């Protein structure tokens, strides 16, 4: 299966992009969605998190207290490492299963921190045959993410500072030959750009399939 990695900073419009591909009949495997599924109420992984961090990780409704966990690990690398050691293997396993089950012309793997995790083993970037970066200015990130998440610009700025910088993201994209689509405009402008890329990916996927048959 030809795998297209989709990434971008917070508020860049990754979801709008993945929604476009899904509307074209392309399977989208979203790392954030999988993480939410793995930590649903009563899940084995939620029980592991509870044992590792305490009862507070489960809220009064029996759900994963994601905001509290985000705050808990935000400025503590040791606690974050413990969380990642629990979450990342489970997410990676679920993602590879979902990719194996995809039946569309190609599959989109949406991962917000695709580049940040490129040096880890295993890493999701290594699964991708092509990468698409959704890029916006930092001002656009602040405006869109603050509006979407009902957060202050200061809170969003703190999250942006924890992610790879825009300049570094674009530099890595250039190094690996990734496609870059600017999304500072409206959704119609984004979709027009994605339509051309979709045609390109269909062609790449067809060529990839022929290569696999020849092997």
N, C-alpha and C. Protein backbone atom coordinates (compact mmCIF):
# COMPACT_ATOMS: atom_id res chain seq x y z
N UNK A 1 0.84 -1.19 0.00
CA UNK A 1 0.00 0.00 0.00
C UNK A 1 0.88 1.25 0.00
N UNK A 2 0.57 2.18 -0.89
CA UNK A 2 1.29 3.45 -0.95
C UNK A 2 0.78 4.33 0.18
N UNK A 3 1.68 4.78 1.05
CA UNK A 3 1.32 5.53 2.25
C UNK A 3 1.76 6.98 2.11
N UNK A 4 0.80 7.89 2.25
CA UNK A 4 1.08 9.31 2.24
C UNK A 4 1.06 9.82 3.68
N UNK A 5 2.19 10.29 4.16
CA UNK A 5 2.25 10.90 5.48
C UNK A 5 1.74 12.33 5.42
N UNK A 6 0.88 12.69 6.33
CA UNK A 6 0.31 14.04 6.38
C UNK A 6 0.66 14.66 7.73
N UNK A 7 1.26 15.85 7.70
CA UNK A 7 1.66 16.48 8.95
C UNK A 7 1.60 17.99 8.83
N UNK A 8 1.81 18.67 9.95
CA UNK A 8 1.77 20.12 10.02
C UNK A 8 1.62 20.53 11.46
N UNK A 9 1.92 21.79 11.75
CA UNK A 9 1.82 22.27 13.12
C UNK A 9 0.38 22.43 13.57
N UNK A 10 0.20 22.71 14.85
CA UNK A 10 -1.13 22.92 15.40
C UNK A 10 -1.81 24.07 14.66
N UNK A 11 -3.08 23.88 14.32
CA UNK A 11 -3.84 24.92 13.63
C UNK A 11 -3.53 25.08 12.16
N UNK A 12 -2.76 24.15 11.60
CA UNK A 12 -2.37 24.29 10.19
C UNK A 12 -3.47 23.88 9.22
N UNK A 13 -4.36 22.99 9.67
CA UNK A 13 -5.42 22.52 8.79
C UNK A 13 -5.25 21.09 8.33
N UNK A 14 -4.56 20.28 9.14
CA UNK A 14 -4.38 18.87 8.79
C UNK A 14 -5.73 18.15 8.67
N UNK A 15 -6.65 18.48 9.58
CA UNK A 15 -7.95 17.82 9.55
C UNK A 15 -8.71 18.18 8.28
N UNK A 16 -8.66 19.45 7.88
CA UNK A 16 -9.32 19.85 6.63
C UNK A 16 -8.73 19.09 5.46
N UNK A 17 -7.41 18.90 5.46
CA UNK A 17 -6.76 18.17 4.38
C UNK A 17 -7.16 16.70 4.39
N UNK A 18 -7.14 16.09 5.57
CA UNK A 18 -7.51 14.68 5.64
C UNK A 18 -8.98 14.47 5.29
N UNK A 19 -9.83 15.43 5.65
CA UNK A 19 -11.24 15.35 5.27
C UNK A 19 -11.40 15.38 3.75
N UNK A 20 -10.58 16.18 3.09
CA UNK A 20 -10.64 16.23 1.62
C UNK A 20 -10.30 14.86 1.03
N UNK A 21 -9.20 14.27 1.50
CA UNK A 21 -8.80 12.96 0.96
C UNK A 21 -9.86 11.90 1.26
N UNK A 22 -10.43 11.95 2.45
CA UNK A 22 -11.47 10.99 2.80
C UNK A 22 -12.67 11.12 1.87
N UNK A 23 -12.99 12.37 1.50
CA UNK A 23 -14.13 12.61 0.59
C UNK A 23 -13.86 12.05 -0.80
N UNK A 24 -12.60 11.83 -1.12
CA UNK A 24 -12.25 11.23 -2.42
C UNK A 24 -12.19 9.70 -2.35
N UNK A 25 -12.57 9.16 -1.21
CA UNK A 25 -12.57 7.71 -1.05
C UNK A 25 -11.26 7.14 -0.55
N UNK A 26 -10.38 8.00 -0.07
CA UNK A 26 -9.08 7.55 0.43
C UNK A 26 -9.17 7.28 1.93
N UNK A 27 -8.65 6.15 2.34
CA UNK A 27 -8.63 5.80 3.75
C UNK A 27 -7.67 6.72 4.50
N UNK A 28 -8.12 7.26 5.62
CA UNK A 28 -7.28 8.11 6.47
C UNK A 28 -7.06 7.41 7.80
N UNK A 29 -5.81 7.20 8.15
CA UNK A 29 -5.44 6.66 9.44
C UNK A 29 -4.87 7.81 10.25
N UNK A 30 -5.59 8.23 11.27
CA UNK A 30 -5.24 9.42 12.04
C UNK A 30 -4.68 9.00 13.40
N UNK A 31 -3.43 9.38 13.67
CA UNK A 31 -2.78 8.98 14.92
C UNK A 31 -3.52 9.53 16.14
N UNK A 32 -4.05 10.75 16.04
CA UNK A 32 -4.77 11.33 17.17
C UNK A 32 -6.07 10.57 17.44
N UNK A 33 -6.78 10.20 16.37
CA UNK A 33 -8.02 9.45 16.52
C UNK A 33 -7.73 8.09 17.16
N UNK A 34 -6.67 7.45 16.72
CA UNK A 34 -6.30 6.15 17.28
C UNK A 34 -5.95 6.28 18.76
N UNK A 35 -5.22 7.34 19.11
CA UNK A 35 -4.86 7.56 20.52
C UNK A 35 -6.11 7.72 21.38
N UNK A 36 -7.12 8.42 20.85
CA UNK A 36 -8.37 8.58 21.58
C UNK A 36 -9.10 7.24 21.72
N UNK A 37 -9.09 6.44 20.66
CA UNK A 37 -9.76 5.14 20.70
C UNK A 37 -9.10 4.22 21.71
N UNK A 38 -7.78 4.27 21.78
CA UNK A 38 -7.04 3.38 22.68
C UNK A 38 -7.25 3.73 24.15
N UNK A 39 -7.64 4.99 24.40
CA UNK A 39 -7.82 5.42 25.79
C UNK A 39 -9.28 5.69 26.13
N UNK A 40 -10.18 5.03 25.43
CA UNK A 40 -11.61 5.21 25.73
C UNK A 40 -11.91 4.59 27.09
N UNK A 41 -13.05 4.95 27.64
CA UNK A 41 -13.44 4.48 28.97
C UNK A 41 -13.40 2.95 29.05
N UNK A 42 -12.72 2.43 30.06
CA UNK A 42 -12.67 0.99 30.26
C UNK A 42 -11.62 0.27 29.45
N UNK A 43 -10.84 0.99 28.67
CA UNK A 43 -9.85 0.33 27.82
C UNK A 43 -8.66 -0.17 28.65
N UNK A 44 -8.01 -1.26 28.20
CA UNK A 44 -6.84 -1.77 28.93
C UNK A 44 -5.73 -0.73 29.06
N UNK A 45 -5.53 0.08 28.02
CA UNK A 45 -4.46 1.07 28.06
C UNK A 45 -4.76 2.15 29.10
N UNK A 46 -6.02 2.51 29.24
CA UNK A 46 -6.38 3.50 30.26
C UNK A 46 -6.09 2.96 31.65
N UNK A 47 -6.29 1.67 31.83
CA UNK A 47 -5.97 1.05 33.11
C UNK A 47 -4.47 1.09 33.39
N UNK A 48 -3.67 0.92 32.32
CA UNK A 48 -2.21 1.00 32.47
C UNK A 48 -1.80 2.42 32.87
N UNK A 49 -2.41 3.42 32.24
CA UNK A 49 -2.11 4.81 32.58
C UNK A 49 -2.50 5.12 34.02
N UNK A 50 -3.62 4.57 34.44
CA UNK A 50 -4.08 4.78 35.82
C UNK A 50 -3.08 4.19 36.81
N UNK A 51 -2.59 3.00 36.50
CA UNK A 51 -1.63 2.35 37.38
C UNK A 51 -0.30 3.11 37.43
N UNK A 52 0.07 3.71 36.30
CA UNK A 52 1.36 4.41 36.22
C UNK A 52 1.33 5.78 36.86
N UNK A 53 0.19 6.49 36.74
CA UNK A 53 0.14 7.89 37.16
C UNK A 53 -0.81 8.17 38.33
N UNK A 54 -1.81 7.33 38.51
CA UNK A 54 -2.75 7.57 39.59
C UNK A 54 -4.19 7.63 39.10
N UNK A 55 -5.11 7.60 40.03
CA UNK A 55 -6.53 7.59 39.70
C UNK A 55 -7.00 8.86 38.98
N UNK A 56 -6.28 9.95 39.15
CA UNK A 56 -6.69 11.23 38.57
C UNK A 56 -6.71 11.22 37.04
N UNK A 57 -6.05 10.22 36.41
CA UNK A 57 -6.03 10.19 34.93
C UNK A 57 -7.41 9.83 34.38
N UNK A 58 -8.31 9.37 35.24
CA UNK A 58 -9.68 9.05 34.82
C UNK A 58 -10.62 10.07 35.47
N UNK A 59 -11.43 10.74 34.65
CA UNK A 59 -12.32 11.77 35.19
C UNK A 59 -13.58 11.15 35.81
N UNK A 60 -14.48 12.02 36.25
CA UNK A 60 -15.67 11.54 36.96
C UNK A 60 -16.62 10.75 36.08
N UNK A 61 -16.43 10.84 34.75
CA UNK A 61 -17.28 10.09 33.82
C UNK A 61 -16.62 8.80 33.34
N UNK A 62 -15.44 8.50 33.88
CA UNK A 62 -14.74 7.29 33.49
C UNK A 62 -13.88 7.44 32.26
N UNK A 63 -13.73 8.67 31.78
CA UNK A 63 -12.95 8.93 30.57
C UNK A 63 -11.53 9.37 30.90
N UNK A 64 -10.66 9.25 29.93
CA UNK A 64 -9.28 9.69 30.08
C UNK A 64 -9.25 11.20 30.28
N UNK A 65 -8.61 11.65 31.34
CA UNK A 65 -8.53 13.07 31.63
C UNK A 65 -7.35 13.67 30.86
N UNK A 66 -7.56 13.81 29.55
CA UNK A 66 -6.49 14.24 28.66
C UNK A 66 -5.96 15.65 28.98
N UNK A 67 -6.84 16.63 29.26
CA UNK A 67 -6.32 17.96 29.60
C UNK A 67 -5.43 17.95 30.83
N UNK A 68 -5.82 17.17 31.85
CA UNK A 68 -5.00 17.10 33.06
C UNK A 68 -3.65 16.45 32.78
N UNK A 69 -3.66 15.41 31.95
CA UNK A 69 -2.41 14.74 31.61
C UNK A 69 -1.51 15.67 30.80
N UNK A 70 -2.11 16.41 29.87
CA UNK A 70 -1.33 17.35 29.05
C UNK A 70 -0.62 18.36 29.95
N UNK A 71 -1.34 18.86 30.92
CA UNK A 71 -0.74 19.83 31.85
C UNK A 71 0.32 19.18 32.73
N UNK A 72 0.07 17.94 33.12
CA UNK A 72 0.96 17.21 34.03
C UNK A 72 2.34 16.98 33.41
N UNK A 73 2.38 16.66 32.10
CA UNK A 73 3.65 16.32 31.45
C UNK A 73 4.26 17.49 30.67
N UNK A 74 3.54 18.62 30.61
CA UNK A 74 3.93 19.69 29.70
C UNK A 74 5.37 20.16 29.91
N UNK A 75 5.76 20.38 31.13
CA UNK A 75 7.11 20.87 31.41
C UNK A 75 7.93 19.87 32.21
N UNK A 76 7.61 18.60 32.06
CA UNK A 76 8.34 17.57 32.80
C UNK A 76 8.76 16.45 31.85
N UNK A 77 9.97 16.50 31.32
CA UNK A 77 10.43 15.50 30.35
C UNK A 77 10.38 14.07 30.87
N UNK A 78 10.62 13.87 32.17
CA UNK A 78 10.61 12.51 32.73
C UNK A 78 9.21 11.92 32.70
N UNK A 79 8.23 12.72 33.11
CA UNK A 79 6.85 12.25 33.09
C UNK A 79 6.36 12.04 31.66
N UNK A 80 6.78 12.94 30.75
CA UNK A 80 6.41 12.80 29.35
C UNK A 80 7.00 11.53 28.76
N UNK A 81 8.24 11.22 29.13
CA UNK A 81 8.88 10.00 28.63
C UNK A 81 8.14 8.76 29.11
N UNK A 82 7.66 8.79 30.34
CA UNK A 82 6.88 7.66 30.87
C UNK A 82 5.58 7.50 30.09
N UNK A 83 4.91 8.64 29.84
CA UNK A 83 3.67 8.59 29.06
C UNK A 83 3.92 8.06 27.66
N UNK A 84 4.96 8.55 27.02
CA UNK A 84 5.26 8.12 25.65
C UNK A 84 5.63 6.64 25.58
N UNK A 85 6.32 6.17 26.62
CA UNK A 85 6.71 4.76 26.65
C UNK A 85 5.49 3.84 26.71
N UNK A 86 4.41 4.35 27.27
CA UNK A 86 3.16 3.58 27.35
C UNK A 86 2.37 3.73 26.05
N UNK A 87 2.24 4.97 25.59
CA UNK A 87 1.35 5.26 24.47
C UNK A 87 1.93 4.90 23.11
N UNK A 88 3.18 5.24 22.87
CA UNK A 88 3.72 5.13 21.51
C UNK A 88 3.73 3.70 20.95
N UNK A 89 4.16 2.68 21.71
CA UNK A 89 4.11 1.32 21.15
C UNK A 89 2.69 0.89 20.80
N UNK A 90 1.74 1.24 21.67
CA UNK A 90 0.35 0.85 21.42
C UNK A 90 -0.20 1.56 20.18
N UNK A 91 0.11 2.85 20.06
CA UNK A 91 -0.35 3.62 18.90
C UNK A 91 0.29 3.09 17.63
N UNK A 92 1.59 2.81 17.67
CA UNK A 92 2.30 2.31 16.49
C UNK A 92 1.70 0.99 16.03
N UNK A 93 1.42 0.11 16.97
CA UNK A 93 0.85 -1.19 16.63
C UNK A 93 -0.53 -1.03 15.99
N UNK A 94 -1.36 -0.16 16.59
CA UNK A 94 -2.71 0.07 16.05
C UNK A 94 -2.65 0.71 14.67
N UNK A 95 -1.69 1.60 14.46
CA UNK A 95 -1.56 2.26 13.15
C UNK A 95 -1.15 1.26 12.09
N UNK A 96 -0.17 0.42 12.37
CA UNK A 96 0.27 -0.56 11.37
C UNK A 96 -0.85 -1.53 11.03
N UNK A 97 -1.67 -1.89 12.01
CA UNK A 97 -2.83 -2.74 11.74
C UNK A 97 -3.82 -2.04 10.82
N UNK A 98 -4.08 -0.76 11.11
CA UNK A 98 -5.04 0.00 10.30
C UNK A 98 -4.52 0.19 8.88
N UNK A 99 -3.23 0.44 8.73
CA UNK A 99 -2.64 0.61 7.40
C UNK A 99 -2.76 -0.69 6.60
N UNK A 100 -2.54 -1.81 7.26
CA UNK A 100 -2.60 -3.10 6.59
C UNK A 100 -4.01 -3.42 6.09
N UNK A 101 -5.02 -2.86 6.75
CA UNK A 101 -6.40 -3.14 6.38
C UNK A 101 -6.96 -2.16 5.35
N UNK A 102 -6.21 -1.12 5.03
CA UNK A 102 -6.69 -0.11 4.08
C UNK A 102 -6.85 -0.71 2.70
N UNK A 103 -7.93 -0.31 2.01
CA UNK A 103 -8.22 -0.90 0.70
C UNK A 103 -8.41 0.16 -0.39
N UNK A 104 -8.10 1.42 -0.10
CA UNK A 104 -8.26 2.48 -1.10
C UNK A 104 -7.03 2.53 -2.00
N UNK A 105 -7.05 3.43 -3.00
CA UNK A 105 -5.95 3.53 -3.95
C UNK A 105 -4.62 3.81 -3.26
N UNK A 106 -4.66 4.63 -2.26
CA UNK A 106 -3.53 4.85 -1.35
C UNK A 106 -4.11 5.17 0.01
N UNK A 107 -3.27 5.34 1.01
CA UNK A 107 -3.77 5.60 2.36
C UNK A 107 -3.04 6.80 2.93
N UNK A 108 -3.76 7.64 3.64
CA UNK A 108 -3.18 8.81 4.30
C UNK A 108 -2.93 8.47 5.77
N UNK A 109 -1.70 8.71 6.20
CA UNK A 109 -1.34 8.55 7.60
C UNK A 109 -1.11 9.94 8.19
N UNK A 110 -2.08 10.41 8.98
CA UNK A 110 -2.03 11.75 9.55
C UNK A 110 -1.39 11.71 10.94
N UNK A 111 -0.24 12.38 11.07
CA UNK A 111 0.51 12.38 12.33
C UNK A 111 1.02 13.80 12.60
N UNK A 112 0.49 14.48 13.61
CA UNK A 112 0.94 15.85 13.90
C UNK A 112 2.45 15.96 14.13
N UNK A 113 3.02 14.99 14.85
CA UNK A 113 4.44 15.05 15.20
C UNK A 113 5.26 14.08 14.37
N UNK A 114 4.93 13.97 13.09
CA UNK A 114 5.61 13.01 12.22
C UNK A 114 7.11 13.28 12.15
N UNK A 115 7.50 14.55 12.03
CA UNK A 115 8.92 14.88 11.94
C UNK A 115 9.60 14.84 13.30
N UNK A 116 8.87 15.22 14.35
CA UNK A 116 9.47 15.22 15.68
C UNK A 116 9.91 13.81 16.10
N UNK A 117 9.20 12.80 15.62
CA UNK A 117 9.52 11.43 16.02
C UNK A 117 10.40 10.68 15.04
N UNK A 118 11.04 11.41 14.12
CA UNK A 118 11.76 10.74 13.02
C UNK A 118 13.00 9.99 13.48
N UNK A 119 13.55 10.33 14.65
CA UNK A 119 14.76 9.66 15.13
C UNK A 119 14.46 8.53 16.11
N UNK A 120 13.17 8.33 16.40
CA UNK A 120 12.80 7.28 17.34
C UNK A 120 12.64 5.95 16.62
N UNK A 121 12.72 4.88 17.36
CA UNK A 121 12.55 3.56 16.78
C UNK A 121 11.50 2.79 17.58
N UNK A 122 10.43 2.33 16.92
CA UNK A 122 10.14 2.55 15.50
C UNK A 122 9.58 3.97 15.27
N UNK A 123 9.70 4.45 14.04
CA UNK A 123 9.15 5.76 13.75
C UNK A 123 8.18 5.67 12.57
N UNK A 124 7.17 6.53 12.62
CA UNK A 124 6.11 6.47 11.62
C UNK A 124 6.53 7.07 10.28
N UNK A 125 7.49 7.99 10.32
CA UNK A 125 7.97 8.58 9.07
C UNK A 125 8.54 7.51 8.15
N UNK A 126 9.18 6.52 8.74
CA UNK A 126 9.77 5.45 7.95
C UNK A 126 8.75 4.60 7.21
N UNK A 127 7.47 4.68 7.61
CA UNK A 127 6.43 3.93 6.92
C UNK A 127 5.94 4.64 5.65
N UNK A 128 6.25 5.93 5.53
CA UNK A 128 5.66 6.76 4.47
C UNK A 128 6.47 6.73 3.18
N UNK A 129 5.77 6.63 2.07
CA UNK A 129 6.42 6.67 0.76
C UNK A 129 6.46 8.09 0.20
N UNK A 130 5.59 8.95 0.68
CA UNK A 130 5.55 10.36 0.32
C UNK A 130 4.98 11.11 1.51
N UNK A 131 5.36 12.37 1.65
CA UNK A 131 4.89 13.18 2.77
C UNK A 131 4.30 14.48 2.24
N UNK A 132 3.21 14.90 2.86
CA UNK A 132 2.58 16.18 2.56
C UNK A 132 2.56 17.02 3.84
N UNK A 133 3.14 18.20 3.76
CA UNK A 133 3.16 19.13 4.89
C UNK A 133 2.16 20.24 4.63
N UNK A 134 1.24 20.44 5.56
CA UNK A 134 0.31 21.56 5.49
C UNK A 134 0.97 22.71 6.27
N UNK A 135 1.23 23.79 5.58
CA UNK A 135 2.00 24.88 6.16
C UNK A 135 1.18 26.16 6.25
N UNK A 136 1.29 26.84 7.38
CA UNK A 136 0.67 28.15 7.57
C UNK A 136 1.63 29.02 8.37
N UNK A 137 1.37 30.32 8.36
CA UNK A 137 2.17 31.23 9.18
C UNK A 137 1.85 31.00 10.65
N UNK A 138 2.76 31.43 11.52
CA UNK A 138 2.54 31.29 12.95
C UNK A 138 1.32 32.10 13.38
N UNK A 139 1.12 33.26 12.78
CA UNK A 139 -0.06 34.08 13.11
C UNK A 139 -1.35 33.32 12.82
N UNK A 140 -1.37 32.61 11.68
CA UNK A 140 -2.54 31.81 11.34
C UNK A 140 -2.73 30.66 12.33
N UNK A 141 -1.64 30.03 12.71
CA UNK A 141 -1.72 28.97 13.72
C UNK A 141 -2.36 29.47 15.00
N UNK A 142 -1.88 30.61 15.47
CA UNK A 142 -2.39 31.16 16.73
C UNK A 142 -3.88 31.47 16.63
N UNK A 143 -4.27 32.10 15.54
CA UNK A 143 -5.66 32.49 15.38
C UNK A 143 -6.58 31.29 15.28
N UNK A 144 -6.23 30.34 14.41
CA UNK A 144 -7.12 29.20 14.17
C UNK A 144 -7.17 28.27 15.38
N UNK A 145 -6.02 27.96 15.96
CA UNK A 145 -6.00 27.01 17.07
C UNK A 145 -6.67 27.59 18.31
N UNK A 146 -6.47 28.88 18.56
CA UNK A 146 -7.11 29.51 19.72
C UNK A 146 -8.62 29.50 19.56
N UNK A 147 -9.08 29.77 18.35
CA UNK A 147 -10.52 29.77 18.09
C UNK A 147 -11.10 28.36 18.19
N UNK A 148 -10.38 27.38 17.63
CA UNK A 148 -10.87 26.00 17.61
C UNK A 148 -10.89 25.38 19.00
N UNK A 149 -9.83 25.60 19.76
CA UNK A 149 -9.69 24.94 21.05
C UNK A 149 -10.18 25.79 22.22
N UNK A 150 -10.71 26.97 21.91
CA UNK A 150 -11.17 27.89 22.95
C UNK A 150 -10.07 28.14 23.97
N UNK A 151 -8.85 28.39 23.44
CA UNK A 151 -7.69 28.63 24.28
C UNK A 151 -7.15 30.02 23.99
N UNK A 152 -6.30 30.52 24.88
CA UNK A 152 -5.68 31.82 24.66
C UNK A 152 -4.53 31.68 23.68
N UNK A 153 -4.16 32.79 23.07
CA UNK A 153 -3.01 32.79 22.15
C UNK A 153 -1.74 32.39 22.89
N UNK A 154 -1.67 32.76 24.17
CA UNK A 154 -0.49 32.40 24.96
C UNK A 154 -0.38 30.89 25.14
N UNK A 155 -1.53 30.24 25.37
CA UNK A 155 -1.53 28.79 25.52
C UNK A 155 -1.14 28.10 24.21
N UNK A 156 -1.68 28.59 23.11
CA UNK A 156 -1.33 28.00 21.82
C UNK A 156 0.13 28.25 21.49
N UNK A 157 0.63 29.45 21.80
CA UNK A 157 2.03 29.76 21.56
C UNK A 157 2.94 28.81 22.32
N UNK A 158 2.54 28.44 23.53
CA UNK A 158 3.34 27.51 24.34
C UNK A 158 3.38 26.13 23.69
N UNK A 159 2.26 25.71 23.10
CA UNK A 159 2.22 24.43 22.40
C UNK A 159 3.09 24.48 21.15
N UNK A 160 3.01 25.59 20.40
CA UNK A 160 3.83 25.75 19.20
C UNK A 160 5.31 25.66 19.54
N UNK A 161 5.69 26.25 20.68
CA UNK A 161 7.09 26.23 21.10
C UNK A 161 7.58 24.82 21.40
N UNK A 162 6.64 23.92 21.75
CA UNK A 162 7.01 22.53 22.04
C UNK A 162 7.15 21.70 20.77
N UNK A 163 6.59 22.19 19.68
CA UNK A 163 6.68 21.49 18.40
C UNK A 163 7.90 21.95 17.64
N UNK A 164 8.25 21.22 16.60
CA UNK A 164 9.34 21.63 15.74
C UNK A 164 8.98 22.97 15.11
N UNK A 165 9.97 23.84 14.91
CA UNK A 165 9.68 25.16 14.37
C UNK A 165 9.22 25.07 12.92
N UNK A 166 8.52 26.09 12.48
CA UNK A 166 8.06 26.12 11.08
C UNK A 166 9.25 26.03 10.14
N UNK A 167 10.31 26.77 10.42
CA UNK A 167 11.49 26.76 9.56
C UNK A 167 12.10 25.37 9.48
N UNK A 168 12.22 24.70 10.63
CA UNK A 168 12.80 23.35 10.64
C UNK A 168 11.89 22.35 9.93
N UNK A 169 10.57 22.51 10.12
CA UNK A 169 9.63 21.61 9.45
C UNK A 169 9.76 21.72 7.93
N UNK A 170 9.86 22.95 7.44
CA UNK A 170 9.99 23.16 6.00
C UNK A 170 11.34 22.68 5.49
N UNK A 171 12.38 22.84 6.31
CA UNK A 171 13.71 22.37 5.90
C UNK A 171 13.74 20.85 5.78
N UNK A 172 13.14 20.17 6.75
CA UNK A 172 13.08 18.70 6.68
C UNK A 172 12.25 18.27 5.49
N UNK A 173 11.14 18.97 5.26
CA UNK A 173 10.29 18.65 4.11
C UNK A 173 11.08 18.75 2.81
N UNK A 174 11.88 19.78 2.69
CA UNK A 174 12.70 19.95 1.48
C UNK A 174 13.74 18.83 1.36
N UNK A 175 14.31 18.44 2.47
CA UNK A 175 15.34 17.40 2.46
C UNK A 175 14.80 16.06 1.98
N UNK A 176 13.57 15.74 2.35
CA UNK A 176 13.01 14.42 2.02
C UNK A 176 12.12 14.47 0.79
N UNK A 177 12.03 15.62 0.14
CA UNK A 177 11.22 15.72 -1.06
C UNK A 177 9.73 15.70 -0.80
N UNK A 178 9.32 16.23 0.35
CA UNK A 178 7.90 16.27 0.69
C UNK A 178 7.18 17.35 -0.11
N UNK A 179 5.90 17.16 -0.29
CA UNK A 179 5.06 18.21 -0.87
C UNK A 179 4.67 19.17 0.24
N UNK A 180 4.60 20.46 -0.09
CA UNK A 180 4.22 21.49 0.86
C UNK A 180 3.05 22.27 0.28
N UNK A 181 1.97 22.35 1.04
CA UNK A 181 0.81 23.12 0.59
C UNK A 181 0.52 24.21 1.61
N UNK A 182 0.47 25.45 1.15
CA UNK A 182 0.18 26.55 2.04
C UNK A 182 -1.33 26.66 2.27
N UNK A 183 -1.71 26.83 3.53
CA UNK A 183 -3.13 26.87 3.88
C UNK A 183 -3.48 28.16 4.62
N UNK A 184 -2.84 29.25 4.26
CA UNK A 184 -3.20 30.53 4.87
C UNK A 184 -4.49 31.09 4.29
N UNK A 185 -4.96 30.52 3.17
CA UNK A 185 -6.20 30.99 2.56
C UNK A 185 -7.41 30.25 3.10
N UNK A 186 -8.50 30.25 2.32
CA UNK A 186 -9.72 29.58 2.76
C UNK A 186 -9.73 28.12 2.33
N UNK A 187 -10.79 27.42 2.71
CA UNK A 187 -10.85 25.98 2.45
C UNK A 187 -10.93 25.68 0.96
N UNK A 188 -11.62 26.50 0.20
CA UNK A 188 -11.71 26.28 -1.25
C UNK A 188 -10.33 26.34 -1.90
N UNK A 189 -9.50 27.30 -1.45
CA UNK A 189 -8.15 27.41 -1.99
C UNK A 189 -7.33 26.17 -1.63
N UNK A 190 -7.50 25.69 -0.41
CA UNK A 190 -6.78 24.48 0.01
C UNK A 190 -7.21 23.29 -0.84
N UNK A 191 -8.52 23.12 -1.01
CA UNK A 191 -9.02 21.98 -1.76
C UNK A 191 -8.58 21.99 -3.22
N UNK A 192 -8.46 23.17 -3.80
CA UNK A 192 -7.99 23.27 -5.18
C UNK A 192 -6.55 22.76 -5.28
N UNK A 193 -5.72 23.08 -4.30
CA UNK A 193 -4.34 22.60 -4.29
C UNK A 193 -4.29 21.09 -4.05
N UNK A 194 -5.15 20.62 -3.16
CA UNK A 194 -5.15 19.19 -2.85
C UNK A 194 -5.65 18.35 -4.01
N UNK A 195 -6.52 18.91 -4.84
CA UNK A 195 -7.04 18.17 -5.99
C UNK A 195 -5.90 17.78 -6.92
N UNK A 196 -4.99 18.70 -7.17
CA UNK A 196 -3.84 18.41 -8.04
C UNK A 196 -2.93 17.37 -7.38
N UNK A 197 -2.74 17.49 -6.09
CA UNK A 197 -1.89 16.52 -5.39
C UNK A 197 -2.53 15.14 -5.36
N UNK A 198 -3.85 15.10 -5.19
CA UNK A 198 -4.55 13.81 -5.20
C UNK A 198 -4.32 13.07 -6.51
N UNK A 199 -4.40 13.78 -7.63
CA UNK A 199 -4.14 13.16 -8.92
C UNK A 199 -2.70 12.63 -8.98
N UNK A 200 -1.78 13.40 -8.44
CA UNK A 200 -0.37 12.97 -8.39
C UNK A 200 -0.21 11.70 -7.56
N UNK A 201 -0.87 11.65 -6.41
CA UNK A 201 -0.73 10.49 -5.52
C UNK A 201 -1.38 9.24 -6.12
N UNK A 202 -2.48 9.42 -6.83
CA UNK A 202 -3.08 8.28 -7.52
C UNK A 202 -2.10 7.68 -8.51
N UNK A 203 -1.40 8.54 -9.24
CA UNK A 203 -0.41 8.07 -10.21
C UNK A 203 0.77 7.40 -9.51
N UNK A 204 1.26 8.01 -8.44
CA UNK A 204 2.37 7.41 -7.70
C UNK A 204 1.98 6.07 -7.10
N UNK A 205 0.76 5.99 -6.59
CA UNK A 205 0.30 4.74 -5.99
C UNK A 205 0.18 3.64 -7.04
N UNK A 206 -0.28 4.00 -8.24
CA UNK A 206 -0.40 3.01 -9.31
C UNK A 206 0.98 2.50 -9.71
N UNK A 207 1.94 3.42 -9.82
CA UNK A 207 3.31 3.01 -10.15
C UNK A 207 3.91 2.14 -9.05
N UNK A 208 3.62 2.51 -7.80
CA UNK A 208 4.11 1.73 -6.66
C UNK A 208 3.54 0.32 -6.68
N UNK A 209 2.26 0.21 -7.02
CA UNK A 209 1.64 -1.11 -7.07
C UNK A 209 2.25 -1.98 -8.15
N UNK A 210 2.57 -1.38 -9.28
CA UNK A 210 3.21 -2.14 -10.37
C UNK A 210 4.58 -2.63 -9.94
N UNK A 211 5.31 -1.79 -9.21
CA UNK A 211 6.63 -2.18 -8.75
C UNK A 211 6.57 -3.35 -7.80
N UNK A 212 5.55 -3.35 -6.92
CA UNK A 212 5.40 -4.44 -5.98
C UNK A 212 5.06 -5.74 -6.69
N UNK A 213 4.26 -5.66 -7.75
CA UNK A 213 3.92 -6.86 -8.52
C UNK A 213 5.15 -7.40 -9.22
N UNK A 214 5.97 -6.50 -9.78
CA UNK A 214 7.18 -6.91 -10.49
C UNK A 214 8.18 -7.60 -9.57
N UNK A 215 8.17 -7.16 -8.29
CA UNK A 215 9.08 -7.78 -7.33
C UNK A 215 8.67 -9.21 -7.01
